[in-house]
Amino acid sequence: MVKKKAASAPPQTALADGDAEQRILDAAHKVFIRRGTAGARMQEIADEAGVNKALLHYYFRNKSRLADAIFQRVAGAVFGRIVLVVREQSALDDKVRSIIAIYLEQLSRSPYAPGYILAELNQDPERGRQLVQMISGLRDGVAPSVLIEALQAQIDVSIRAGTIRRISAQQFLTNLVSLCIFPFAAKPLLCAMLGMDDAGFVAFIEERKRTLPEFFLNALRP
């Protein structure tokens, strides 16, 4: 019987290349965002990273593991800082301004991330559970329901003070996140409808950074 050789060390070509794993992740990020999980090919990722497929399989074994790593990476970049803002001991108005600024800044750097995340969530139900686990794993592992309850308590204080209309934390966050994400998720539609090229879209987002906070806050006020 021939014994299978254990994968205890990376291929010889990787021994002098300490950043190979990071380059693979960066390359996979580009390919998965561009193609989605279903359309991504390991050879394309290897070519993008400048490594051979053997090295790709050494670090991540298969496409499924690499896809999981990229989904967590992209979703973490989009949602991670937002969770921290929601948990901050700051005024509700300040949270709104911070969330809008962070989202529009982050998505300007990764405009295709919302489309990628939505496609992954629609194609693979497991992604929803992974997203919840990822959010729960931030900092000290607070569950999303706890964050919602804390936000609702802060909203209720403002409602009782008469400074905002009655609204649930779920609707508050859905409205806020949707107003930030929609322009990026629907960029081709908006550009066609509003007659914008890429430069025009950048200017559109810069204007949105200035106007969206007051638009959202004014909609909350009685």
Protein backbone atom coordinates (compact mmCIF):
# COMPACT_ATOMS: atom_id res chain seq x y z
CA MET A 1 0.00 0.00 0.00
CA VAL A 2 1.33 3.43 -0.95
CA LYS A 3 1.03 5.95 1.86
CA LYS A 4 -0.18 9.45 1.01
CA LYS A 5 2.35 12.13 1.68
CA ALA A 6 1.18 14.64 4.31
CA ALA A 7 1.05 18.30 3.32
CA SER A 8 3.36 19.37 6.13
CA ALA A 9 5.23 22.08 4.27
CA PRO A 10 4.48 24.49 1.46
CA PRO A 11 5.77 23.74 -2.04
CA GLN A 12 9.46 24.47 -2.45
CA THR A 13 8.74 27.55 -4.56
CA ALA A 14 7.09 29.21 -1.56
CA LEU A 15 9.91 28.83 0.94
CA ALA A 16 11.47 32.20 0.11
CA ASP A 17 8.14 33.95 -0.32
CA GLY A 18 6.86 34.94 3.10
CA ASP A 19 3.93 36.99 1.81
CA ALA A 20 2.48 34.28 -0.48
CA GLU A 21 -0.60 33.71 1.69
CA GLN A 22 -1.40 37.42 1.79
CA ARG A 23 -0.96 37.73 -1.98
CA ILE A 24 -3.29 34.77 -2.47
CA LEU A 25 -5.93 36.42 -0.29
CA ASP A 26 -5.57 39.74 -2.13
CA ALA A 27 -5.81 38.00 -5.49
CA ALA A 28 -8.79 35.89 -4.41
CA HIS A 29 -10.49 39.05 -3.13
CA LYS A 30 -10.27 40.60 -6.61
CA VAL A 31 -11.39 37.45 -8.41
CA PHE A 32 -14.32 36.62 -6.10
CA ILE A 33 -15.58 40.21 -6.18
CA ARG A 34 -15.31 40.16 -9.97
CA ARG A 35 -16.67 36.67 -10.64
CA GLY A 36 -18.55 35.61 -7.51
CA THR A 37 -17.89 32.25 -5.88
CA ALA A 38 -19.59 30.26 -8.64
CA GLY A 39 -17.60 31.92 -11.41
CA ALA A 40 -14.20 32.08 -9.69
CA ARG A 41 -11.52 29.61 -10.77
CA MET A 42 -8.52 28.56 -8.71
CA GLN A 43 -6.22 28.90 -11.73
CA GLU A 44 -7.31 32.51 -12.24
CA ILE A 45 -6.59 33.22 -8.57
CA ALA A 46 -3.18 31.57 -8.83
CA ASP A 47 -2.37 33.61 -11.94
CA GLU A 48 -3.52 36.83 -10.25
CA ALA A 49 -1.35 36.07 -7.20
CA GLY A 50 1.64 34.96 -9.28
CA VAL A 51 1.82 31.51 -7.64
CA ASN A 52 1.14 27.95 -8.74
CA LYS A 53 -2.03 26.05 -7.86
CA ALA A 54 -0.13 23.72 -5.54
CA LEU A 55 0.65 26.67 -3.27
CA LEU A 56 -2.97 27.78 -3.42
CA HIS A 57 -4.12 24.36 -2.25
CA TYR A 58 -1.45 24.21 0.44
CA TYR A 59 -2.77 27.32 2.17
CA PHE A 60 -6.51 26.88 1.57
CA ARG A 61 -7.02 23.22 0.49
CA ASN A 62 -9.96 24.01 -1.82
CA LYS A 63 -12.06 26.80 -3.32
CA SER A 64 -14.72 26.49 -0.62
CA ARG A 65 -12.27 27.38 2.17
CA LEU A 66 -10.87 30.26 0.17
CA ALA A 67 -14.39 31.51 -0.60
CA ASP A 68 -15.24 31.44 3.12
CA ALA A 69 -12.11 33.44 3.95
CA ILE A 70 -12.91 36.09 1.33
CA PHE A 71 -16.56 36.38 2.36
CA GLN A 72 -15.54 36.97 5.98
CA ARG A 73 -12.91 39.45 4.86
CA VAL A 74 -15.28 41.49 2.67
CA ALA A 75 -18.25 41.33 5.06
CA GLY A 76 -16.00 42.22 8.00
CA ALA A 77 -14.74 45.31 6.18
CA VAL A 78 -18.29 46.42 5.37
CA PHE A 79 -19.95 45.66 8.72
CA GLY A 80 -17.18 45.48 11.32
CA ARG A 81 -16.67 49.17 12.06
CA ILE A 82 -20.42 49.78 11.99
CA VAL A 83 -20.96 47.33 14.84
CA LEU A 84 -18.36 49.17 16.90
CA VAL A 85 -20.07 52.52 16.24
CA VAL A 86 -23.46 51.15 17.32
CA ARG A 87 -21.88 50.01 20.58
CA GLU A 88 -20.23 53.36 21.31
CA GLN A 89 -21.51 55.52 24.17
CA SER A 90 -22.25 58.46 21.89
CA ALA A 91 -25.30 60.52 20.94
CA LEU A 92 -27.70 59.07 18.38
CA ASP A 93 -27.05 61.94 15.94
CA ASP A 94 -23.30 61.31 16.18
CA LYS A 95 -23.81 57.60 15.49
CA VAL A 96 -25.81 58.40 12.36
CA ARG A 97 -23.10 60.73 11.06
CA SER A 98 -20.34 58.22 11.88
CA ILE A 99 -22.11 55.28 10.23
CA ILE A 100 -22.78 57.27 7.05
CA ALA A 101 -19.21 58.54 6.88
CA ILE A 102 -17.73 55.08 7.46
CA TYR A 103 -20.02 53.33 4.98
CA LEU A 104 -19.56 55.82 2.16
CA GLU A 105 -15.80 55.93 2.69
CA GLN A 106 -15.49 52.12 2.85
CA LEU A 107 -17.76 51.46 -0.11
CA SER A 108 -16.04 54.12 -2.21
CA ARG A 109 -12.90 52.01 -1.86
CA SER A 110 -14.79 48.74 -2.52
CA PRO A 111 -17.82 49.73 -4.64
CA TYR A 112 -18.57 46.15 -5.73
CA ALA A 113 -18.63 44.73 -2.19
CA PRO A 114 -22.42 45.18 -1.64
CA GLY A 115 -23.28 43.37 -4.87
CA TYR A 116 -20.88 40.56 -4.00
CA ILE A 117 -22.26 40.16 -0.45
CA LEU A 118 -25.89 40.22 -1.63
CA ALA A 119 -25.16 37.65 -4.36
CA GLU A 120 -23.42 35.37 -1.87
CA LEU A 121 -26.30 35.63 0.61
CA ASN A 122 -28.84 34.82 -2.12
CA GLN A 123 -26.89 31.91 -3.60
CA ASP A 124 -25.79 30.24 -0.36
CA PRO A 125 -28.07 30.29 2.73
CA GLU A 126 -25.05 29.32 4.84
CA ARG A 127 -23.60 32.79 4.23
CA GLY A 128 -26.29 34.35 6.43
CA ARG A 129 -25.22 32.22 9.39
CA GLN A 130 -21.57 33.01 8.69
CA LEU A 131 -22.35 36.72 8.63
CA VAL A 132 -24.12 36.55 11.99
CA GLN A 133 -21.22 34.55 13.45
CA MET A 134 -18.75 37.07 12.08
CA ILE A 135 -20.63 39.99 13.64
CA SER A 136 -21.02 38.11 16.93
CA GLY A 137 -17.29 37.40 16.98
CA LEU A 138 -16.31 41.05 16.93
CA ARG A 139 -14.64 42.23 20.12
CA ASP A 140 -16.24 40.32 23.00
CA GLY A 141 -18.72 38.27 21.00
CA VAL A 142 -21.91 40.24 21.62
CA ALA A 143 -24.84 38.78 19.68
CA PRO A 144 -26.60 41.00 17.08
CA SER A 145 -29.82 40.84 19.13
CA VAL A 146 -28.03 42.45 22.07
CA LEU A 147 -26.80 45.27 19.85
CA ILE A 148 -30.33 45.84 18.55
CA GLU A 149 -31.72 45.94 22.08
CA ALA A 150 -29.09 48.47 23.18
CA LEU A 151 -29.80 50.65 20.15
CA GLN A 152 -33.54 50.42 20.78
CA ALA A 153 -33.04 51.60 24.37
CA GLN A 154 -31.14 54.64 23.12
CA ILE A 155 -33.79 55.35 20.47
CA ASP A 156 -36.54 55.08 23.11
CA VAL A 157 -34.81 57.73 25.23
CA SER A 158 -34.90 60.13 22.27
CA ILE A 159 -38.55 59.26 21.54
CA ARG A 160 -39.56 60.01 25.13
CA ALA A 161 -37.63 63.27 24.96
CA GLY A 162 -39.63 64.21 21.87
CA THR A 163 -36.57 64.69 19.65
CA ILE A 164 -37.37 61.91 17.14
CA ARG A 165 -40.42 60.10 15.82
CA ARG A 166 -41.32 56.62 17.05
CA ILE A 167 -39.26 54.03 15.18
CA SER A 168 -37.89 50.56 15.87
CA ALA A 169 -34.17 49.89 15.93
CA GLN A 170 -34.65 47.38 13.09
CA GLN A 171 -36.28 50.00 10.85
CA PHE A 172 -33.74 52.64 11.94
CA LEU A 173 -30.76 50.50 10.91
CA THR A 174 -32.41 49.16 7.76
CA ASN A 175 -33.22 52.66 6.53
CA LEU A 176 -29.77 53.98 7.37
CA VAL A 177 -27.78 51.10 5.86
CA SER A 178 -30.01 50.98 2.75
CA LEU A 179 -29.46 54.68 2.02
CA CYS A 180 -25.71 54.09 2.17
CA ILE A 181 -25.49 50.82 0.25
CA PHE A 182 -28.07 51.33 -2.51
CA PRO A 183 -26.04 53.71 -4.71
CA PHE A 184 -23.18 51.20 -4.85
CA ALA A 185 -25.37 48.12 -5.31
CA ALA A 186 -27.28 49.90 -8.10
CA LYS A 187 -24.37 51.87 -9.59
CA PRO A 188 -24.94 50.78 -13.24
CA LEU A 189 -28.64 51.68 -12.99
CA LEU A 190 -27.97 55.06 -11.36
CA CYS A 191 -25.24 55.95 -13.85
CA ALA A 192 -27.54 55.13 -16.77
CA MET A 193 -30.56 56.86 -15.27
CA LEU A 194 -28.71 60.00 -14.12
CA GLY A 195 -26.29 60.20 -17.03
CA MET A 196 -23.15 59.79 -14.90
CA ASP A 197 -19.76 58.36 -15.80
CA ASP A 198 -17.31 57.06 -13.18
CA ALA A 199 -16.09 60.57 -12.35
CA GLY A 200 -19.68 61.74 -12.04
CA PHE A 201 -20.47 58.89 -9.67
CA VAL A 202 -17.51 59.82 -7.45
CA ALA A 203 -18.81 63.41 -7.31
CA PHE A 204 -22.30 62.09 -6.56
CA ILE A 205 -21.00 60.12 -3.56
CA GLU A 206 -19.03 63.13 -2.30
CA GLU A 207 -22.25 65.16 -2.37
CA ARG A 208 -24.05 62.33 -0.59
CA LYS A 209 -21.47 62.41 2.21
CA ARG A 210 -22.43 66.04 2.82
CA THR A 211 -26.20 65.80 2.46
CA LEU A 212 -27.27 62.34 3.68
CA PRO A 213 -26.72 62.85 7.44
CA GLU A 214 -29.11 65.81 7.65
CA PHE A 215 -31.59 64.15 5.29
CA PHE A 216 -31.78 61.08 7.53
CA LEU A 217 -31.86 63.05 10.80
CA ASN A 218 -34.55 65.44 9.51
CA ALA A 219 -36.70 62.44 8.57
CA LEU A 220 -36.52 61.28 12.20
CA ARG A 221 -37.46 64.59 13.75
CA PRO A 222 -41.12 65.24 14.67
